[in-house]
């Protein structure tokens, strides 16, 4: 059985490249955030809402990116719908990037202490009751305390932030590419047949 990729020129190649970059970025975000949450939970603390939300958004986006490319490969992808979903994921990526990055913009990881033994990783954050989420300010302060424990955790969350920003760009461009592909297919199918007798 021979598979045929859509013959849509440079736009099709660009769409494939963007989907590949989105997939790699999303898997990296899921891995980094899951590792961070695992360490937090192992220290008998509740994971911050922002990290849980990041994993949820990244997992849904990964599923969508995978399915949409399979449908595109089989020429079954409704491109206008895909463009609209890409725009929604762009908004979700912006929300994630802003929420994660709010305390990170002025944070200098190199000024934080060196890594501590695993049993002492989150002792700094114990002064804030992570299980007593009485307000948004408490949740924010808990998240801030967790990411400032040492350099590796700071760099880890900054990597998630950077990948979230790159996803904003990738989803913005892939939405435009979907619309471009839709216009190209529409113009090809609606073109009048050539008069071979003339």
N, C-alpha and C. Protein backbone atom coordinates (compact mmCIF):
# COMPACT_ATOMS: atom_id res chain seq x y z
N UNK A 1 0.84 -1.18 0.00
CA UNK A 1 0.00 0.00 0.00
C UNK A 1 0.88 1.24 0.00
N UNK A 2 0.66 2.14 -0.93
CA UNK A 2 1.51 3.31 -1.09
C UNK A 2 0.80 4.55 -0.57
N UNK A 3 1.50 5.27 0.33
CA UNK A 3 0.92 6.49 0.88
C UNK A 3 1.31 7.67 0.02
N UNK A 4 0.41 8.60 -0.12
CA UNK A 4 0.69 9.81 -0.89
C UNK A 4 0.50 11.03 0.00
N UNK A 5 1.54 11.86 0.05
CA UNK A 5 1.43 13.09 0.82
C UNK A 5 0.76 14.15 -0.03
N UNK A 6 0.09 15.10 0.60
CA UNK A 6 -0.56 16.16 -0.16
C UNK A 6 0.45 16.94 -0.99
N UNK A 7 0.14 17.14 -2.26
CA UNK A 7 1.04 17.88 -3.15
C UNK A 7 0.68 19.36 -3.10
N UNK A 8 1.11 20.01 -2.06
CA UNK A 8 0.77 21.41 -1.87
C UNK A 8 2.00 22.31 -1.81
N UNK A 9 3.10 21.83 -2.35
CA UNK A 9 4.30 22.65 -2.48
C UNK A 9 4.91 23.08 -1.16
N UNK A 10 5.43 24.30 -1.19
CA UNK A 10 6.15 24.82 -0.03
C UNK A 10 5.26 24.95 1.20
N UNK A 11 3.99 25.28 1.01
CA UNK A 11 3.08 25.40 2.15
C UNK A 11 2.90 24.07 2.87
N UNK A 12 2.80 22.99 2.10
CA UNK A 12 2.66 21.67 2.71
C UNK A 12 3.89 21.27 3.49
N UNK A 13 5.06 21.55 2.94
CA UNK A 13 6.32 21.25 3.64
C UNK A 13 6.43 22.09 4.91
N UNK A 14 6.05 23.36 4.81
CA UNK A 14 6.11 24.25 5.97
C UNK A 14 5.15 23.79 7.06
N UNK A 15 3.94 23.36 6.66
CA UNK A 15 2.96 22.85 7.62
C UNK A 15 3.52 21.64 8.36
N UNK A 16 4.15 20.73 7.61
CA UNK A 16 4.74 19.54 8.22
C UNK A 16 5.84 19.92 9.20
N UNK A 17 6.69 20.87 8.82
CA UNK A 17 7.78 21.30 9.69
C UNK A 17 7.25 21.94 10.97
N UNK A 18 6.21 22.77 10.84
CA UNK A 18 5.64 23.42 12.02
C UNK A 18 4.98 22.40 12.94
N UNK A 19 4.29 21.43 12.38
CA UNK A 19 3.68 20.40 13.22
C UNK A 19 4.77 19.60 13.96
N UNK A 20 5.87 19.31 13.30
CA UNK A 20 6.96 18.57 13.96
C UNK A 20 7.55 19.40 15.10
N UNK A 21 7.78 20.70 14.87
CA UNK A 21 8.33 21.56 15.92
C UNK A 21 7.36 21.71 17.09
N UNK A 22 6.06 21.80 16.78
CA UNK A 22 5.06 21.90 17.84
C UNK A 22 5.06 20.63 18.69
N UNK A 23 5.13 19.48 18.02
CA UNK A 23 5.10 18.21 18.74
C UNK A 23 6.29 18.09 19.68
N UNK A 24 7.49 18.40 19.17
CA UNK A 24 8.71 18.30 19.99
C UNK A 24 8.63 19.26 21.18
N UNK A 25 8.19 20.49 20.94
CA UNK A 25 8.09 21.48 22.02
C UNK A 25 7.09 21.04 23.08
N UNK A 26 5.95 20.51 22.65
CA UNK A 26 4.92 20.09 23.60
C UNK A 26 5.38 18.90 24.44
N UNK A 27 6.04 17.94 23.81
CA UNK A 27 6.54 16.78 24.55
C UNK A 27 7.59 17.23 25.57
N UNK A 28 8.44 18.18 25.18
CA UNK A 28 9.45 18.70 26.12
C UNK A 28 8.79 19.41 27.29
N UNK A 29 7.76 20.20 27.03
CA UNK A 29 7.05 20.89 28.11
C UNK A 29 6.41 19.89 29.07
N UNK A 30 5.76 18.86 28.51
CA UNK A 30 5.12 17.85 29.35
C UNK A 30 6.16 17.15 30.23
N UNK A 31 7.30 16.79 29.64
CA UNK A 31 8.35 16.11 30.39
C UNK A 31 8.92 16.96 31.51
N UNK A 32 9.23 18.22 31.22
CA UNK A 32 9.82 19.11 32.23
C UNK A 32 8.82 19.41 33.35
N UNK A 33 7.58 19.74 32.97
CA UNK A 33 6.58 20.06 33.99
C UNK A 33 6.23 18.84 34.83
N UNK A 34 6.14 17.67 34.20
CA UNK A 34 5.82 16.44 34.95
C UNK A 34 6.93 16.10 35.93
N UNK A 35 8.20 16.29 35.51
CA UNK A 35 9.31 16.03 36.41
C UNK A 35 9.28 16.97 37.61
N UNK A 36 8.97 18.24 37.35
CA UNK A 36 8.89 19.23 38.42
C UNK A 36 7.76 18.89 39.39
N UNK A 37 6.60 18.54 38.85
CA UNK A 37 5.45 18.17 39.70
C UNK A 37 5.76 16.92 40.51
N UNK A 38 6.45 15.95 39.91
CA UNK A 38 6.81 14.73 40.62
C UNK A 38 7.68 15.03 41.84
N UNK A 39 8.64 15.93 41.68
CA UNK A 39 9.50 16.30 42.79
C UNK A 39 8.72 17.04 43.87
N UNK A 40 7.79 17.88 43.46
CA UNK A 40 6.98 18.62 44.43
C UNK A 40 6.10 17.67 45.23
N UNK A 41 5.42 16.75 44.53
CA UNK A 41 4.53 15.80 45.20
C UNK A 41 5.33 14.86 46.11
N UNK A 42 6.54 14.48 45.68
CA UNK A 42 7.38 13.62 46.50
C UNK A 42 7.79 14.30 47.80
N UNK A 43 7.76 15.63 47.80
CA UNK A 43 8.10 16.40 49.01
C UNK A 43 6.87 16.70 49.86
N UNK A 44 5.77 15.97 49.62
CA UNK A 44 4.53 16.12 50.39
C UNK A 44 3.89 17.50 50.23
N UNK A 45 4.04 18.09 49.04
CA UNK A 45 3.43 19.38 48.75
C UNK A 45 2.45 19.23 47.60
N UNK A 46 1.52 20.14 47.52
CA UNK A 46 0.58 20.15 46.39
C UNK A 46 1.22 20.87 45.21
N UNK A 47 1.03 20.33 44.02
CA UNK A 47 1.57 20.96 42.82
C UNK A 47 0.83 22.27 42.55
N UNK A 48 1.56 23.33 42.18
CA UNK A 48 0.90 24.61 41.87
C UNK A 48 -0.07 24.46 40.69
N UNK A 49 -1.15 25.22 40.75
CA UNK A 49 -2.17 25.17 39.70
C UNK A 49 -1.58 25.47 38.32
N UNK A 50 -0.62 26.38 38.28
CA UNK A 50 -0.07 26.80 36.99
C UNK A 50 0.63 25.64 36.29
N UNK A 51 1.30 24.78 37.05
CA UNK A 51 1.98 23.64 36.43
C UNK A 51 0.99 22.56 36.00
N UNK A 52 -0.02 22.34 36.81
CA UNK A 52 -1.06 21.37 36.44
C UNK A 52 -1.77 21.84 35.17
N UNK A 53 -2.11 23.13 35.12
CA UNK A 53 -2.75 23.69 33.93
C UNK A 53 -1.87 23.60 32.70
N UNK A 54 -0.57 23.79 32.90
CA UNK A 54 0.37 23.69 31.78
C UNK A 54 0.38 22.29 31.20
N UNK A 55 0.40 21.28 32.06
CA UNK A 55 0.40 19.90 31.57
C UNK A 55 -0.90 19.56 30.86
N UNK A 56 -2.02 20.05 31.39
CA UNK A 56 -3.31 19.77 30.76
C UNK A 56 -3.36 20.38 29.36
N UNK A 57 -2.98 21.66 29.26
CA UNK A 57 -3.00 22.34 27.95
C UNK A 57 -2.03 21.66 26.98
N UNK A 58 -0.82 21.34 27.45
CA UNK A 58 0.17 20.72 26.58
C UNK A 58 -0.27 19.33 26.12
N UNK A 59 -0.92 18.57 26.99
CA UNK A 59 -1.38 17.23 26.61
C UNK A 59 -2.48 17.30 25.56
N UNK A 60 -3.44 18.21 25.76
CA UNK A 60 -4.51 18.37 24.77
C UNK A 60 -3.93 18.83 23.43
N UNK A 61 -3.00 19.77 23.48
CA UNK A 61 -2.39 20.28 22.25
C UNK A 61 -1.59 19.19 21.53
N UNK A 62 -0.89 18.34 22.30
CA UNK A 62 -0.12 17.25 21.68
C UNK A 62 -1.05 16.28 20.96
N UNK A 63 -2.16 15.94 21.61
CA UNK A 63 -3.14 15.05 20.98
C UNK A 63 -3.68 15.67 19.69
N UNK A 64 -4.02 16.95 19.75
CA UNK A 64 -4.55 17.64 18.57
C UNK A 64 -3.52 17.69 17.44
N UNK A 65 -2.28 18.05 17.76
CA UNK A 65 -1.23 18.15 16.74
C UNK A 65 -1.03 16.80 16.05
N UNK A 66 -1.01 15.73 16.83
CA UNK A 66 -0.82 14.38 16.25
C UNK A 66 -1.97 14.00 15.33
N UNK A 67 -3.20 14.16 15.83
CA UNK A 67 -4.37 13.77 15.04
C UNK A 67 -4.51 14.65 13.79
N UNK A 68 -4.27 15.95 13.95
CA UNK A 68 -4.44 16.85 12.80
C UNK A 68 -3.43 16.54 11.70
N UNK A 69 -2.21 16.16 12.09
CA UNK A 69 -1.25 15.85 11.03
C UNK A 69 -1.60 14.53 10.33
N UNK A 70 -2.09 13.56 11.09
CA UNK A 70 -2.50 12.30 10.46
C UNK A 70 -3.63 12.57 9.45
N UNK A 71 -4.60 13.38 9.86
CA UNK A 71 -5.70 13.73 8.95
C UNK A 71 -5.19 14.52 7.74
N UNK A 72 -4.24 15.41 7.97
CA UNK A 72 -3.65 16.17 6.86
C UNK A 72 -2.93 15.24 5.89
N UNK A 73 -2.20 14.29 6.44
CA UNK A 73 -1.44 13.34 5.61
C UNK A 73 -2.39 12.53 4.72
N UNK A 74 -3.57 12.21 5.26
CA UNK A 74 -4.56 11.45 4.50
C UNK A 74 -5.53 12.34 3.73
N UNK A 75 -5.25 13.63 3.70
CA UNK A 75 -6.07 14.62 2.99
C UNK A 75 -7.50 14.67 3.51
N UNK A 76 -7.65 14.52 4.81
CA UNK A 76 -8.97 14.55 5.43
C UNK A 76 -9.13 15.71 6.41
N UNK A 77 -8.12 16.55 6.52
CA UNK A 77 -8.14 17.62 7.51
C UNK A 77 -8.96 18.81 7.03
N UNK A 78 -10.01 19.20 7.78
CA UNK A 78 -10.74 20.43 7.43
C UNK A 78 -9.86 21.63 7.82
N UNK A 79 -9.26 22.27 6.84
CA UNK A 79 -8.21 23.25 7.11
C UNK A 79 -8.71 24.50 7.83
N UNK A 80 -9.92 24.94 7.52
CA UNK A 80 -10.45 26.12 8.23
C UNK A 80 -10.68 25.81 9.71
N UNK A 81 -11.19 24.64 9.98
CA UNK A 81 -11.40 24.22 11.37
C UNK A 81 -10.06 24.10 12.08
N UNK A 82 -9.08 23.51 11.39
CA UNK A 82 -7.74 23.38 11.97
C UNK A 82 -7.13 24.74 12.27
N UNK A 83 -7.33 25.70 11.35
CA UNK A 83 -6.82 27.05 11.58
C UNK A 83 -7.46 27.69 12.80
N UNK A 84 -8.77 27.48 12.98
CA UNK A 84 -9.48 28.03 14.15
C UNK A 84 -8.97 27.39 15.45
N UNK A 85 -8.75 26.08 15.42
CA UNK A 85 -8.24 25.40 16.62
C UNK A 85 -6.83 25.86 16.92
N UNK A 86 -6.02 26.06 15.89
CA UNK A 86 -4.66 26.59 16.10
C UNK A 86 -4.71 27.96 16.78
N UNK A 87 -5.67 28.79 16.39
CA UNK A 87 -5.82 30.11 17.02
C UNK A 87 -6.22 29.97 18.49
N UNK A 88 -7.09 29.01 18.79
CA UNK A 88 -7.48 28.78 20.19
C UNK A 88 -6.30 28.28 21.01
N UNK A 89 -5.49 27.40 20.41
CA UNK A 89 -4.30 26.92 21.10
C UNK A 89 -3.26 28.03 21.26
N UNK A 90 -3.23 28.97 20.32
CA UNK A 90 -2.37 30.14 20.45
C UNK A 90 -2.76 30.93 21.70
N UNK A 91 -4.06 31.14 21.89
CA UNK A 91 -4.54 31.88 23.06
C UNK A 91 -4.18 31.11 24.34
N UNK A 92 -4.36 29.78 24.33
CA UNK A 92 -4.02 28.96 25.50
C UNK A 92 -2.52 29.03 25.80
N UNK A 93 -1.69 29.01 24.74
CA UNK A 93 -0.23 29.09 24.93
C UNK A 93 0.17 30.46 25.49
N UNK A 94 -0.51 31.51 25.06
CA UNK A 94 -0.23 32.85 25.59
C UNK A 94 -0.57 32.91 27.08
N UNK A 95 -1.72 32.35 27.45
CA UNK A 95 -2.12 32.33 28.87
C UNK A 95 -1.10 31.56 29.70
N UNK A 96 -0.65 30.41 29.20
CA UNK A 96 0.34 29.60 29.92
C UNK A 96 1.65 30.36 30.05
N UNK A 97 2.11 30.97 28.95
CA UNK A 97 3.38 31.69 28.98
C UNK A 97 3.33 32.88 29.94
N UNK A 98 2.22 33.60 29.95
CA UNK A 98 2.09 34.75 30.84
C UNK A 98 2.03 34.31 32.30
N UNK A 99 1.25 33.26 32.57
CA UNK A 99 1.08 32.79 33.95
C UNK A 99 2.39 32.23 34.50
N UNK A 100 3.08 31.41 33.70
CA UNK A 100 4.34 30.84 34.15
C UNK A 100 5.41 31.92 34.26
N UNK A 101 5.44 32.82 33.30
CA UNK A 101 6.54 33.78 33.21
C UNK A 101 6.43 35.00 34.09
N UNK A 102 5.26 35.21 34.71
CA UNK A 102 5.08 36.43 35.52
C UNK A 102 6.18 36.59 36.57
N UNK A 103 6.49 35.55 37.36
CA UNK A 103 7.58 35.74 38.33
C UNK A 103 8.98 35.47 37.78
N UNK A 104 9.07 35.04 36.52
CA UNK A 104 10.37 34.64 35.98
C UNK A 104 11.11 35.75 35.24
N UNK A 105 10.39 36.77 34.83
CA UNK A 105 11.00 37.79 33.98
C UNK A 105 12.19 38.48 34.64
N UNK A 106 12.13 38.68 35.95
CA UNK A 106 13.22 39.36 36.65
C UNK A 106 14.08 38.39 37.47
N UNK A 107 13.78 37.10 37.40
CA UNK A 107 14.50 36.11 38.19
C UNK A 107 15.80 35.71 37.50
N UNK A 108 16.90 35.78 38.22
CA UNK A 108 18.21 35.38 37.69
C UNK A 108 18.61 34.06 38.34
N UNK A 109 18.57 33.01 37.53
CA UNK A 109 18.82 31.67 38.06
C UNK A 109 20.24 31.52 38.61
N UNK A 110 21.20 32.22 38.01
CA UNK A 110 22.59 32.06 38.45
C UNK A 110 22.83 32.59 39.86
N UNK A 111 21.94 33.40 40.38
CA UNK A 111 22.08 33.94 41.73
C UNK A 111 21.49 33.03 42.80
N UNK A 112 20.77 32.00 42.36
CA UNK A 112 20.16 31.06 43.31
C UNK A 112 21.19 30.05 43.80
N UNK A 113 20.93 29.38 44.93
CA UNK A 113 21.90 28.40 45.44
C UNK A 113 22.05 27.20 44.53
N UNK A 114 23.13 26.48 44.72
CA UNK A 114 23.40 25.26 43.96
C UNK A 114 22.41 24.18 44.39
N UNK A 115 22.33 23.10 43.58
CA UNK A 115 21.38 22.02 43.91
C UNK A 115 21.61 21.46 45.31
N UNK A 116 20.51 21.10 45.97
CA UNK A 116 20.57 20.49 47.30
C UNK A 116 20.23 19.01 47.18
N UNK A 117 20.54 18.21 48.21
CA UNK A 117 20.16 16.79 48.16
C UNK A 117 18.67 16.63 47.97
N UNK A 118 18.24 15.52 47.35
CA UNK A 118 16.82 15.33 47.03
C UNK A 118 15.89 15.47 48.23
N UNK A 119 16.35 15.05 49.43
CA UNK A 119 15.48 15.12 50.59
C UNK A 119 15.26 16.55 51.06
N UNK A 120 16.14 17.47 50.63
CA UNK A 120 16.03 18.85 51.08
C UNK A 120 15.61 19.80 49.97
N UNK A 121 15.17 19.25 48.86
CA UNK A 121 14.92 20.05 47.68
C UNK A 121 13.96 21.20 47.93
N UNK A 122 12.83 20.93 48.55
CA UNK A 122 11.80 21.95 48.71
C UNK A 122 11.60 22.37 50.16
N UNK A 123 12.68 22.32 50.98
CA UNK A 123 12.53 22.74 52.36
C UNK A 123 12.28 24.23 52.48
N UNK A 124 12.77 25.02 51.52
CA UNK A 124 12.55 26.46 51.55
C UNK A 124 11.07 26.77 51.45
N UNK A 125 10.36 26.00 50.65
CA UNK A 125 8.95 26.29 50.41
C UNK A 125 8.04 25.80 51.53
N UNK A 126 8.60 25.06 52.50
CA UNK A 126 7.76 24.53 53.57
C UNK A 126 7.20 25.64 54.47
N UNK A 127 7.84 26.82 54.44
CA UNK A 127 7.33 27.92 55.26
C UNK A 127 5.96 28.40 54.77
N UNK A 128 5.65 28.08 53.51
CA UNK A 128 4.34 28.42 52.96
C UNK A 128 3.52 27.15 52.93
N UNK A 129 2.37 27.16 53.53
CA UNK A 129 1.53 25.98 53.58
C UNK A 129 0.93 25.71 52.22
N UNK A 130 1.50 24.74 51.48
CA UNK A 130 1.04 24.45 50.13
C UNK A 130 -0.33 23.79 50.15
N UNK A 131 -0.71 23.18 51.27
CA UNK A 131 -2.01 22.53 51.35
C UNK A 131 -3.10 23.48 51.87
N UNK A 132 -2.73 24.72 52.15
CA UNK A 132 -3.69 25.70 52.65
C UNK A 132 -3.85 26.80 51.61
N UNK A 133 -4.52 26.46 50.50
CA UNK A 133 -4.72 27.43 49.42
C UNK A 133 -5.93 28.30 49.75
N UNK A 134 -5.70 29.33 50.54
CA UNK A 134 -6.81 30.19 50.93
C UNK A 134 -7.03 31.33 49.96
N UNK A 135 -6.04 31.66 49.15
CA UNK A 135 -6.21 32.78 48.24
C UNK A 135 -5.29 32.61 47.04
N UNK A 136 -5.53 33.43 46.01
CA UNK A 136 -4.67 33.41 44.82
C UNK A 136 -3.27 33.86 45.19
N UNK A 137 -3.16 34.80 46.13
CA UNK A 137 -1.84 35.28 46.56
C UNK A 137 -1.03 34.16 47.19
N UNK A 138 -1.68 33.32 47.99
CA UNK A 138 -0.99 32.19 48.62
C UNK A 138 -0.50 31.22 47.56
N UNK A 139 -1.34 30.93 46.57
CA UNK A 139 -0.93 30.01 45.49
C UNK A 139 0.25 30.59 44.71
N UNK A 140 0.18 31.88 44.44
CA UNK A 140 1.26 32.54 43.69
C UNK A 140 2.57 32.49 44.49
N UNK A 141 2.50 32.77 45.79
CA UNK A 141 3.70 32.76 46.63
C UNK A 141 4.27 31.35 46.75
N UNK A 142 3.40 30.34 46.78
CA UNK A 142 3.87 28.96 46.83
C UNK A 142 4.64 28.62 45.56
N UNK A 143 4.07 28.98 44.42
CA UNK A 143 4.74 28.73 43.13
C UNK A 143 6.08 29.45 43.09
N UNK A 144 6.12 30.69 43.54
CA UNK A 144 7.36 31.47 43.54
C UNK A 144 8.41 30.83 44.44
N UNK A 145 7.99 30.34 45.60
CA UNK A 145 8.93 29.70 46.51
C UNK A 145 9.49 28.41 45.92
N UNK A 146 8.65 27.66 45.20
CA UNK A 146 9.10 26.40 44.63
C UNK A 146 10.13 26.60 43.51
N UNK A 147 9.95 27.63 42.69
CA UNK A 147 10.86 27.81 41.56
C UNK A 147 12.14 28.53 41.95
N UNK A 148 12.20 29.03 43.17
CA UNK A 148 13.42 29.72 43.61
C UNK A 148 14.21 28.90 44.62
N UNK A 149 13.96 27.59 44.67
CA UNK A 149 14.69 26.76 45.63
C UNK A 149 16.15 26.61 45.24
N UNK A 150 16.42 26.39 43.96
CA UNK A 150 17.81 26.27 43.51
C UNK A 150 17.89 26.50 42.00
N UNK A 151 19.11 26.47 41.47
CA UNK A 151 19.33 26.78 40.05
C UNK A 151 18.66 25.81 39.09
N UNK A 152 18.79 24.47 39.30
CA UNK A 152 18.17 23.55 38.33
C UNK A 152 16.66 23.75 38.17
N UNK A 153 15.96 23.97 39.29
CA UNK A 153 14.51 24.17 39.19
C UNK A 153 14.19 25.48 38.50
N UNK A 154 15.01 26.47 38.73
CA UNK A 154 14.80 27.76 38.06
C UNK A 154 14.99 27.61 36.55
N UNK A 155 16.08 26.95 36.14
CA UNK A 155 16.33 26.76 34.71
C UNK A 155 15.27 25.86 34.08
N UNK A 156 14.80 24.88 34.85
CA UNK A 156 13.79 23.96 34.34
C UNK A 156 12.49 24.70 34.02
N UNK A 157 12.05 25.55 34.93
CA UNK A 157 10.80 26.27 34.70
C UNK A 157 10.99 27.36 33.65
N UNK A 158 12.21 27.90 33.56
CA UNK A 158 12.46 28.89 32.50
C UNK A 158 12.45 28.22 31.13
N UNK A 159 12.89 26.96 31.06
CA UNK A 159 12.82 26.22 29.80
C UNK A 159 11.37 26.01 29.38
N UNK A 160 10.50 25.69 30.36
CA UNK A 160 9.07 25.54 30.07
C UNK A 160 8.50 26.86 29.56
N UNK A 161 8.90 27.94 30.20
CA UNK A 161 8.44 29.28 29.79
C UNK A 161 8.87 29.60 28.37
N UNK A 162 10.15 29.35 28.07
CA UNK A 162 10.66 29.61 26.72
C UNK A 162 9.96 28.78 25.66
N UNK A 163 9.72 27.50 25.96
CA UNK A 163 9.02 26.65 25.00
C UNK A 163 7.57 27.10 24.81
N UNK A 164 6.96 27.62 25.88
CA UNK A 164 5.59 28.12 25.76
C UNK A 164 5.54 29.34 24.84
N UNK A 165 6.54 30.20 24.96
CA UNK A 165 6.61 31.37 24.08
C UNK A 165 6.82 30.94 22.63
N UNK A 166 7.69 29.94 22.42
CA UNK A 166 7.92 29.46 21.05
C UNK A 166 6.64 28.84 20.49
N UNK A 167 5.84 28.19 21.33
CA UNK A 167 4.57 27.61 20.85
C UNK A 167 3.60 28.69 20.42
N UNK A 168 3.65 29.85 21.08
CA UNK A 168 2.80 30.97 20.65
C UNK A 168 3.10 31.32 19.19
N UNK A 169 4.38 31.41 18.88
CA UNK A 169 4.79 31.74 17.50
C UNK A 169 4.40 30.62 16.55
N UNK A 170 4.66 29.38 16.95
CA UNK A 170 4.38 28.23 16.07
C UNK A 170 2.90 28.10 15.76
N UNK A 171 2.04 28.26 16.77
CA UNK A 171 0.60 28.12 16.52
C UNK A 171 0.06 29.31 15.72
N UNK A 172 0.64 30.49 15.90
CA UNK A 172 0.21 31.64 15.11
C UNK A 172 0.50 31.40 13.63
N UNK A 173 1.71 30.93 13.33
CA UNK A 173 2.08 30.69 11.94
C UNK A 173 1.33 29.50 11.35
N UNK A 174 1.13 28.44 12.14
CA UNK A 174 0.42 27.27 11.60
C UNK A 174 -1.03 27.61 11.29
N UNK A 175 -1.64 28.53 12.06
CA UNK A 175 -3.00 28.96 11.75
C UNK A 175 -3.04 29.67 10.41
N UNK A 176 -2.06 30.53 10.17
CA UNK A 176 -1.98 31.24 8.88
C UNK A 176 -1.73 30.25 7.74
N UNK A 177 -0.88 29.26 7.98
CA UNK A 177 -0.59 28.25 6.95
C UNK A 177 -1.83 27.44 6.62
N UNK A 178 -2.63 27.09 7.63
CA UNK A 178 -3.87 26.34 7.38
C UNK A 178 -4.80 27.13 6.46
N UNK A 179 -4.91 28.44 6.71
CA UNK A 179 -5.76 29.27 5.86
C UNK A 179 -5.19 29.34 4.45
N UNK A 180 -3.87 29.45 4.35
CA UNK A 180 -3.23 29.46 3.03
C UNK A 180 -3.44 28.17 2.26
N UNK A 181 -3.33 27.05 2.95
CA UNK A 181 -3.57 25.75 2.31
C UNK A 181 -5.02 25.64 1.86
N UNK A 182 -5.95 26.11 2.69
CA UNK A 182 -7.36 26.07 2.33
C UNK A 182 -7.63 26.90 1.08
N UNK A 183 -7.04 28.09 1.01
CA UNK A 183 -7.24 28.94 -0.17
C UNK A 183 -6.65 28.31 -1.43
N UNK A 184 -5.49 27.67 -1.28
CA UNK A 184 -4.86 27.04 -2.44
C UNK A 184 -5.71 25.88 -2.95
N UNK A 185 -6.22 25.05 -2.03
CA UNK A 185 -7.05 23.92 -2.44
C UNK A 185 -8.35 24.42 -3.07
N UNK A 186 -8.93 25.45 -2.49
CA UNK A 186 -10.18 26.00 -3.01
C UNK A 186 -9.98 26.57 -4.41
N UNK A 187 -8.88 27.30 -4.63
CA UNK A 187 -8.63 27.88 -5.96
C UNK A 187 -8.33 26.80 -6.99
N UNK A 188 -7.72 25.70 -6.55
CA UNK A 188 -7.41 24.60 -7.47
C UNK A 188 -8.68 23.86 -7.87
N UNK A 189 -9.56 23.61 -6.91
CA UNK A 189 -10.78 22.84 -7.21
C UNK A 189 -11.81 23.67 -7.96
N UNK A 190 -11.79 25.00 -7.80
CA UNK A 190 -12.79 25.85 -8.44
C UNK A 190 -12.30 26.43 -9.77
N UNK A 191 -11.05 26.09 -10.15
CA UNK A 191 -10.54 26.61 -11.43
C UNK A 191 -11.31 25.97 -12.59
N UNK A 192 -11.72 26.77 -13.59
CA UNK A 192 -12.45 26.19 -14.72
C UNK A 192 -11.57 25.29 -15.57
N UNK A 193 -12.13 24.23 -16.10
CA UNK A 193 -11.32 23.32 -16.92
C UNK A 193 -10.81 24.01 -18.19
N UNK A 194 -9.62 23.62 -18.59
CA UNK A 194 -9.03 24.24 -19.79
C UNK A 194 -9.75 23.74 -21.04
N UNK A 195 -9.94 24.65 -21.99
CA UNK A 195 -10.58 24.32 -23.27
C UNK A 195 -9.51 23.77 -24.21
N UNK A 196 -9.51 22.45 -24.39
CA UNK A 196 -8.47 21.86 -25.22
C UNK A 196 -8.80 21.94 -26.70
N UNK A 197 -10.06 22.27 -27.03
CA UNK A 197 -10.42 22.36 -28.45
C UNK A 197 -10.04 23.71 -29.04
N UNK A 198 -9.94 24.72 -28.14
CA UNK A 198 -9.62 26.05 -28.64
C UNK A 198 -8.17 26.17 -28.94
